[in-house]
PDB file of N, CA and C in Angstrom:
ATOM      1  N   MET A   1       0.795  -1.201   0.000  1.00  0.00           N
ATOM      2  CA  MET A   1       0.000   0.000   0.000  1.00  0.00           C
ATOM      3  C   MET A   1       0.838   1.265   0.000  1.00  0.00           C
ATOM      4  N   THR A   2       2.089   1.138   0.250  1.00  0.00           N
ATOM      5  CA  THR A   2       2.945   2.328   0.316  1.00  0.00           C
ATOM      6  C   THR A   2       3.792   2.481  -0.940  1.00  0.00           C
ATOM      7  N   ASP A   3       3.428   1.782  -1.993  1.00  0.00           N
ATOM      8  CA  ASP A   3       4.168   1.828  -3.246  1.00  0.00           C
ATOM      9  C   ASP A   3       3.299   2.492  -4.318  1.00  0.00           C
ATOM     10  N   SER A   4       3.873   2.786  -5.453  1.00  0.00           N
ATOM     11  CA  SER A   4       3.129   3.437  -6.542  1.00  0.00           C
ATOM     12  C   SER A   4       2.417   2.429  -7.448  1.00  0.00           C
ATOM     13  N   MET A   5       2.405   1.178  -7.067  1.00  0.00           N
ATOM     14  CA  MET A   5       1.804   0.132  -7.886  1.00  0.00           C
ATOM     15  C   MET A   5       0.365   0.464  -8.268  1.00  0.00           C
ATOM     16  N   TYR A   6      -0.418   0.987  -7.337  1.00  0.00           N
ATOM     17  CA  TYR A   6      -1.818   1.307  -7.624  1.00  0.00           C
ATOM     18  C   TYR A   6      -1.917   2.378  -8.705  1.00  0.00           C
ATOM     19  N   LEU A   7      -1.039   3.363  -8.684  1.00  0.00           N
ATOM     20  CA  LEU A   7      -1.046   4.392  -9.730  1.00  0.00           C
ATOM     21  C   LEU A   7      -0.724   3.792 -11.093  1.00  0.00           C
ATOM     22  N   ASN A   8       0.203   2.867 -11.121  1.00  0.00           N
ATOM     23  CA  ASN A   8       0.542   2.208 -12.385  1.00  0.00           C
ATOM     24  C   ASN A   8      -0.661   1.456 -12.949  1.00  0.00           C
ATOM     25  N   ILE A   9      -1.385   0.784 -12.096  1.00  0.00           N
ATOM     26  CA  ILE A   9      -2.586   0.052 -12.519  1.00  0.00           C
ATOM     27  C   ILE A   9      -3.639   1.040 -13.016  1.00  0.00           C
ATOM     28  N   LEU A  10      -3.816   2.138 -12.304  1.00  0.00           N
ATOM     29  CA  LEU A  10      -4.793   3.153 -12.715  1.00  0.00           C
ATOM     30  C   LEU A  10      -4.448   3.743 -14.078  1.00  0.00           C
ATOM     31  N   LYS A  11      -3.173   4.027 -14.297  1.00  0.00           N
ATOM     32  CA  LYS A  11      -2.758   4.606 -15.573  1.00  0.00           C
ATOM     33  C   LYS A  11      -3.051   3.677 -16.741  1.00  0.00           C
ATOM     34  N   GLU A  12      -3.102   2.384 -16.469  1.00  0.00           N
ATOM     35  CA  GLU A  12      -3.437   1.408 -17.510  1.00  0.00           C
ATOM     36  C   GLU A  12      -4.943   1.343 -17.755  1.00  0.00           C
ATOM     37  N   GLY A  13      -5.713   2.056 -16.938  1.00  0.00           N
ATOM     38  CA  GLY A  13      -7.159   2.063 -17.090  1.00  0.00           C
ATOM     39  C   GLY A  13      -7.865   0.911 -16.400  1.00  0.00           C
ATOM     40  N   ARG A  14      -7.151   0.189 -15.567  1.00  0.00           N
ATOM     41  CA  ARG A  14      -7.713  -0.986 -14.884  1.00  0.00           C
ATOM     42  C   ARG A  14      -8.245  -0.575 -13.509  1.00  0.00           C
ATOM     43  N   ILE A  15      -9.211   0.310 -13.520  1.00  0.00           N
ATOM     44  CA  ILE A  15      -9.713   0.919 -12.283  1.00  0.00           C
ATOM     45  C   ILE A  15     -10.412  -0.106 -11.390  1.00  0.00           C
ATOM     46  N   ASP A  16     -11.285  -0.914 -11.966  1.00  0.00           N
ATOM     47  CA  ASP A  16     -11.974  -1.918 -11.147  1.00  0.00           C
ATOM     48  C   ASP A  16     -11.001  -2.930 -10.564  1.00  0.00           C
ATOM     49  N   TYR A  17     -10.014  -3.325 -11.353  1.00  0.00           N
ATOM     50  CA  TYR A  17      -8.990  -4.237 -10.840  1.00  0.00           C
ATOM     51  C   TYR A  17      -8.242  -3.585  -9.679  1.00  0.00           C
ATOM     52  N   CYS A  18      -7.924  -2.304  -9.835  1.00  0.00           N
ATOM     53  CA  CYS A  18      -7.185  -1.583  -8.800  1.00  0.00           C
ATOM     54  C   CYS A  18      -7.981  -1.528  -7.497  1.00  0.00           C
ATOM     55  N   LYS A  19      -9.276  -1.253  -7.612  1.00  0.00           N
ATOM     56  CA  LYS A  19     -10.121  -1.224  -6.412  1.00  0.00           C
ATOM     57  C   LYS A  19     -10.118  -2.583  -5.725  1.00  0.00           C
ATOM     58  N   GLY A  20     -10.250  -3.640  -6.514  1.00  0.00           N
ATOM     59  CA  GLY A  20     -10.243  -4.982  -5.955  1.00  0.00           C
ATOM     60  C   GLY A  20      -8.912  -5.332  -5.318  1.00  0.00           C
ATOM     61  N   LYS A  21      -7.833  -4.947  -5.973  1.00  0.00           N
ATOM     62  CA  LYS A  21      -6.488  -5.217  -5.437  1.00  0.00           C
ATOM     63  C   LYS A  21      -6.288  -4.517  -4.108  1.00  0.00           C
ATOM     64  N   LEU A  22      -6.713  -3.270  -4.036  1.00  0.00           N
ATOM     65  CA  LEU A  22      -6.603  -2.520  -2.783  1.00  0.00           C
ATOM     66  C   LEU A  22      -7.373  -3.225  -1.669  1.00  0.00           C
ATOM     67  N   GLU A  23      -8.592  -3.642  -1.959  1.00  0.00           N
ATOM     68  CA  GLU A  23      -9.408  -4.330  -0.950  1.00  0.00           C
ATOM     69  C   GLU A  23      -8.758  -5.643  -0.516  1.00  0.00           C
ATOM     70  N   ARG A  24      -8.235  -6.393  -1.479  1.00  0.00           N
ATOM     71  CA  ARG A  24      -7.578  -7.667  -1.128  1.00  0.00           C
ATOM     72  C   ARG A  24      -6.335  -7.429  -0.288  1.00  0.00           C
ATOM     73  N   ASP A  25      -5.556  -6.425  -0.664  1.00  0.00           N
ATOM     74  CA  ASP A  25      -4.342  -6.123   0.091  1.00  0.00           C
ATOM     75  C   ASP A  25      -4.672  -5.718   1.525  1.00  0.00           C
ATOM     76  N   PHE A  26      -5.692  -4.889   1.679  1.00  0.00           N
ATOM     77  CA  PHE A  26      -6.068  -4.447   3.024  1.00  0.00           C
ATOM     78  C   PHE A  26      -6.604  -5.620   3.850  1.00  0.00           C
ATOM     79  N   ARG A  27      -7.371  -6.476   3.216  1.00  0.00           N
ATOM     80  CA  ARG A  27      -7.875  -7.665   3.912  1.00  0.00           C
ATOM     81  C   ARG A  27      -6.723  -8.577   4.320  1.00  0.00           C
ATOM     82  N   ASP A  28      -5.743  -8.732   3.449  1.00  0.00           N
ATOM     83  CA  ASP A  28      -4.606  -9.603   3.744  1.00  0.00           C
ATOM     84  C   ASP A  28      -3.787  -9.096   4.933  1.00  0.00           C
ATOM     85  N   ILE A  29      -3.623  -7.786   5.034  1.00  0.00           N
ATOM     86  CA  ILE A  29      -2.829  -7.279   6.162  1.00  0.00           C
ATOM     87  C   ILE A  29      -3.595  -7.345   7.474  1.00  0.00           C
ATOM     88  N   ALA A  30      -4.872  -7.714   7.415  1.00  0.00           N
ATOM     89  CA  ALA A  30      -5.648  -7.899   8.650  1.00  0.00           C
ATOM     90  C   ALA A  30      -5.080  -9.053   9.479  1.00  0.00           C
ATOM     91  N   LEU A  31      -4.250  -9.866   8.850  1.00  0.00           N
ATOM     92  CA  LEU A  31      -3.601 -10.946   9.597  1.00  0.00           C
ATOM     93  C   LEU A  31      -2.683 -10.383  10.676  1.00  0.00           C
ATOM     94  N   ILE A  32      -2.263  -9.142  10.491  1.00  0.00           N
ATOM     95  CA  ILE A  32      -1.432  -8.455  11.488  1.00  0.00           C
ATOM     96  C   ILE A  32      -2.182  -7.162  11.862  1.00  0.00           C
ATOM     97  N   PRO A  33      -3.079  -7.248  12.835  1.00  0.00           N
ATOM     98  CA  PRO A  33      -3.955  -6.122  13.166  1.00  0.00           C
ATOM     99  C   PRO A  33      -3.231  -4.802  13.450  1.00  0.00           C
ATOM    100  N   GLN A  34      -2.062  -4.868  14.059  1.00  0.00           N
ATOM    101  CA  GLN A  34      -1.327  -3.633  14.355  1.00  0.00           C
ATOM    102  C   GLN A  34      -0.920  -2.917  13.063  1.00  0.00           C
ATOM    103  N   VAL A  35      -0.513  -3.694  12.083  1.00  0.00           N
ATOM    104  CA  VAL A  35      -0.111  -3.118  10.798  1.00  0.00           C
ATOM    105  C   VAL A  35      -1.341  -2.569  10.076  1.00  0.00           C
ATOM    106  N   GLN A  36      -2.421  -3.321  10.092  1.00  0.00           N
ATOM    107  CA  GLN A  36      -3.640  -2.849   9.429  1.00  0.00           C
ATOM    108  C   GLN A  36      -4.112  -1.527  10.042  1.00  0.00           C
ATOM    109  N   LYS A  37      -4.038  -1.420  11.332  1.00  0.00           N
ATOM    110  CA  LYS A  37      -4.451  -0.183  11.988  1.00  0.00           C
ATOM    111  C   LYS A  37      -3.573   0.991  11.541  1.00  0.00           C
ATOM    112  N   LYS A  38      -2.269   0.754  11.449  1.00  0.00           N
ATOM    113  CA  LYS A  38      -1.350   1.818  11.028  1.00  0.00           C
ATOM    114  C   LYS A  38      -1.572   2.228   9.576  1.00  0.00           C
ATOM    115  N   LEU A  39      -1.995   1.286   8.744  1.00  0.00           N
ATOM    116  CA  LEU A  39      -2.175   1.574   7.327  1.00  0.00           C
ATOM    117  C   LEU A  39      -3.601   1.986   6.957  1.00  0.00           C
ATOM    118  N   SER A  40      -4.481   2.051   7.928  1.00  0.00           N
ATOM    119  CA  SER A  40      -5.880   2.389   7.646  1.00  0.00           C
ATOM    120  C   SER A  40      -6.037   3.734   6.955  1.00  0.00           C
ATOM    121  N   SER A  41      -5.301   4.737   7.397  1.00  0.00           N
ATOM    122  CA  SER A  41      -5.439   6.056   6.773  1.00  0.00           C
ATOM    123  C   SER A  41      -4.912   6.040   5.337  1.00  0.00           C
ATOM    124  N   ILE A  42      -3.870   5.260   5.075  1.00  0.00           N
ATOM    125  CA  ILE A  42      -3.355   5.142   3.711  1.00  0.00           C
ATOM    126  C   ILE A  42      -4.368   4.415   2.831  1.00  0.00           C
ATOM    127  N   TYR A  43      -4.965   3.377   3.381  1.00  0.00           N
ATOM    128  CA  TYR A  43      -6.005   2.639   2.660  1.00  0.00           C
ATOM    129  C   TYR A  43      -7.155   3.573   2.266  1.00  0.00           C
ATOM    130  N   LEU A  44      -7.615   4.366   3.198  1.00  0.00           N
ATOM    131  CA  LEU A  44      -8.718   5.292   2.911  1.00  0.00           C
ATOM    132  C   LEU A  44      -8.309   6.344   1.876  1.00  0.00           C
ATOM    133  N   ALA A  45      -7.066   6.805   1.950  1.00  0.00           N
ATOM    134  CA  ALA A  45      -6.580   7.776   0.978  1.00  0.00           C
ATOM    135  C   ALA A  45      -6.515   7.162  -0.419  1.00  0.00           C
ATOM    136  N   TRP A  46      -6.072   5.918  -0.529  1.00  0.00           N
ATOM    137  CA  TRP A  46      -6.034   5.249  -1.826  1.00  0.00           C
ATOM    138  C   TRP A  46      -7.445   5.092  -2.386  1.00  0.00           C
ATOM    139  N   LYS A  47      -8.402   4.726  -1.533  1.00  0.00           N
ATOM    140  CA  LYS A  47      -9.786   4.589  -1.986  1.00  0.00           C
ATOM    141  C   LYS A  47     -10.286   5.900  -2.584  1.00  0.00           C
ATOM    142  N   GLU A  48      -9.991   6.996  -1.908  1.00  0.00           N
ATOM    143  CA  GLU A  48     -10.414   8.311  -2.394  1.00  0.00           C
ATOM    144  C   GLU A  48      -9.694   8.665  -3.692  1.00  0.00           C
ATOM    145  N   LEU A  49      -8.409   8.397  -3.758  1.00  0.00           N
ATOM    146  CA  LEU A  49      -7.645   8.692  -4.971  1.00  0.00           C
ATOM    147  C   LEU A  49      -8.187   7.907  -6.167  1.00  0.00           C
ATOM    148  N   ILE A  50      -8.489   6.636  -5.959  1.00  0.00           N
ATOM    149  CA  ILE A  50      -9.040   5.815  -7.038  1.00  0.00           C
ATOM    150  C   ILE A  50     -10.371   6.385  -7.506  1.00  0.00           C
ATOM    151  N   ARG A  51     -11.211   6.769  -6.570  1.00  0.00           N
ATOM    152  CA  ARG A  51     -12.514   7.344  -6.900  1.00  0.00           C
ATOM    153  C   ARG A  51     -12.345   8.624  -7.733  1.00  0.00           C
ATOM    154  N   GLU A  52     -11.431   9.485  -7.320  1.00  0.00           N
ATOM    155  CA  GLU A  52     -11.195  10.746  -8.026  1.00  0.00           C
ATOM    156  C   GLU A  52     -10.490  10.525  -9.360  1.00  0.00           C
ATOM    157  N   TYR A  53      -9.568   9.588  -9.411  1.00  0.00           N
ATOM    158  CA  TYR A  53      -8.829   9.299 -10.641  1.00  0.00           C
ATOM    159  C   TYR A  53      -9.791   8.864 -11.738  1.00  0.00           C
ATOM    160  N   LYS A  54     -10.782   8.071 -11.358  1.00  0.00           N
ATOM    161  CA  LYS A  54     -11.769   7.585 -12.323  1.00  0.00           C
ATOM    162  C   LYS A  54     -12.495   8.758 -12.984  1.00  0.00           C
ATOM    163  N   LYS A  55     -12.761   9.804 -12.233  1.00  0.00           N
ATOM    164  CA  LYS A  55     -13.452  10.982 -12.764  1.00  0.00           C
ATOM    165  C   LYS A  55     -12.620  11.704 -13.814  1.00  0.00           C
ATOM    166  N   LEU A  56     -11.300  11.609 -13.720  1.00  0.00           N
ATOM    167  CA  LEU A  56     -10.424  12.307 -14.651  1.00  0.00           C
ATOM    168  C   LEU A  56     -10.412  11.669 -16.036  1.00  0.00           C
ATOM    169  N   GLU A  57     -10.754  10.405 -16.107  1.00  0.00           N
ATOM    170  CA  GLU A  57     -10.755   9.644 -17.356  1.00  0.00           C
ATOM    171  C   GLU A  57      -9.396   9.706 -18.052  1.00  0.00           C
ATOM    172  N   ILE A  58      -8.346   9.523 -17.279  1.00  0.00           N
ATOM    173  CA  ILE A  58      -6.978   9.501 -17.803  1.00  0.00           C
ATOM    174  C   ILE A  58      -6.543   8.050 -17.927  1.00  0.00           C
ATOM    175  N   VAL A  59      -6.174   7.647 -19.123  1.00  0.00           N
ATOM    176  CA  VAL A  59      -5.693   6.296 -19.350  1.00  0.00           C
ATOM    177  C   VAL A  59      -4.494   6.366 -20.271  1.00  0.00           C
ATOM    178  N   ASP A  60      -3.436   5.678 -19.887  1.00  0.00           N
ATOM    179  CA  ASP A  60      -2.240   5.593 -20.716  1.00  0.00           C
ATOM    180  C   ASP A  60      -2.462   4.478 -21.738  1.00  0.00           C
ATOM    181  N   LYS A  61      -2.632   4.860 -22.988  1.00  0.00           N
ATOM    182  CA  LYS A  61      -2.916   3.860 -24.047  1.00  0.00           C
ATOM    183  C   LYS A  61      -1.711   2.982 -24.336  1.00  0.00           C
ATOM    184  N   ASN A  62      -0.512   3.467 -24.041  1.00  0.00           N
ATOM    185  CA  ASN A  62       0.723   2.703 -24.263  1.00  0.00           C
ATOM    186  C   ASN A  62       1.528   2.680 -22.977  1.00  0.00           C
ATOM    187  N   PRO A  63       1.162   1.823 -22.010  1.00  0.00           N
ATOM    188  CA  PRO A  63       1.832   1.848 -20.709  1.00  0.00           C
ATOM    189  C   PRO A  63       3.297   1.437 -20.746  1.00  0.00           C
ATOM    190  N   ASN A  64       3.779   0.828 -21.790  1.00  0.00           N
ATOM    191  CA  ASN A  64       5.185   0.392 -21.837  1.00  0.00           C
ATOM    192  C   ASN A  64       6.010   1.273 -22.695  1.00  0.00           C
TER     193      ASN A  64
END
């Protein structure tokens, strides 16, 4: 959650995949509750960023 991987996925236009990946990642870190608690604000910020990014309709047609 602290890497730019989600932005890379968003730039490819894979918004729904990105939302799902974020949810899976956050669920997976629930195995370590202390870490999940520390990353909760980052998780919420990513959710908001994904929501706003979708409104921009920016997609990199040639990601490579």
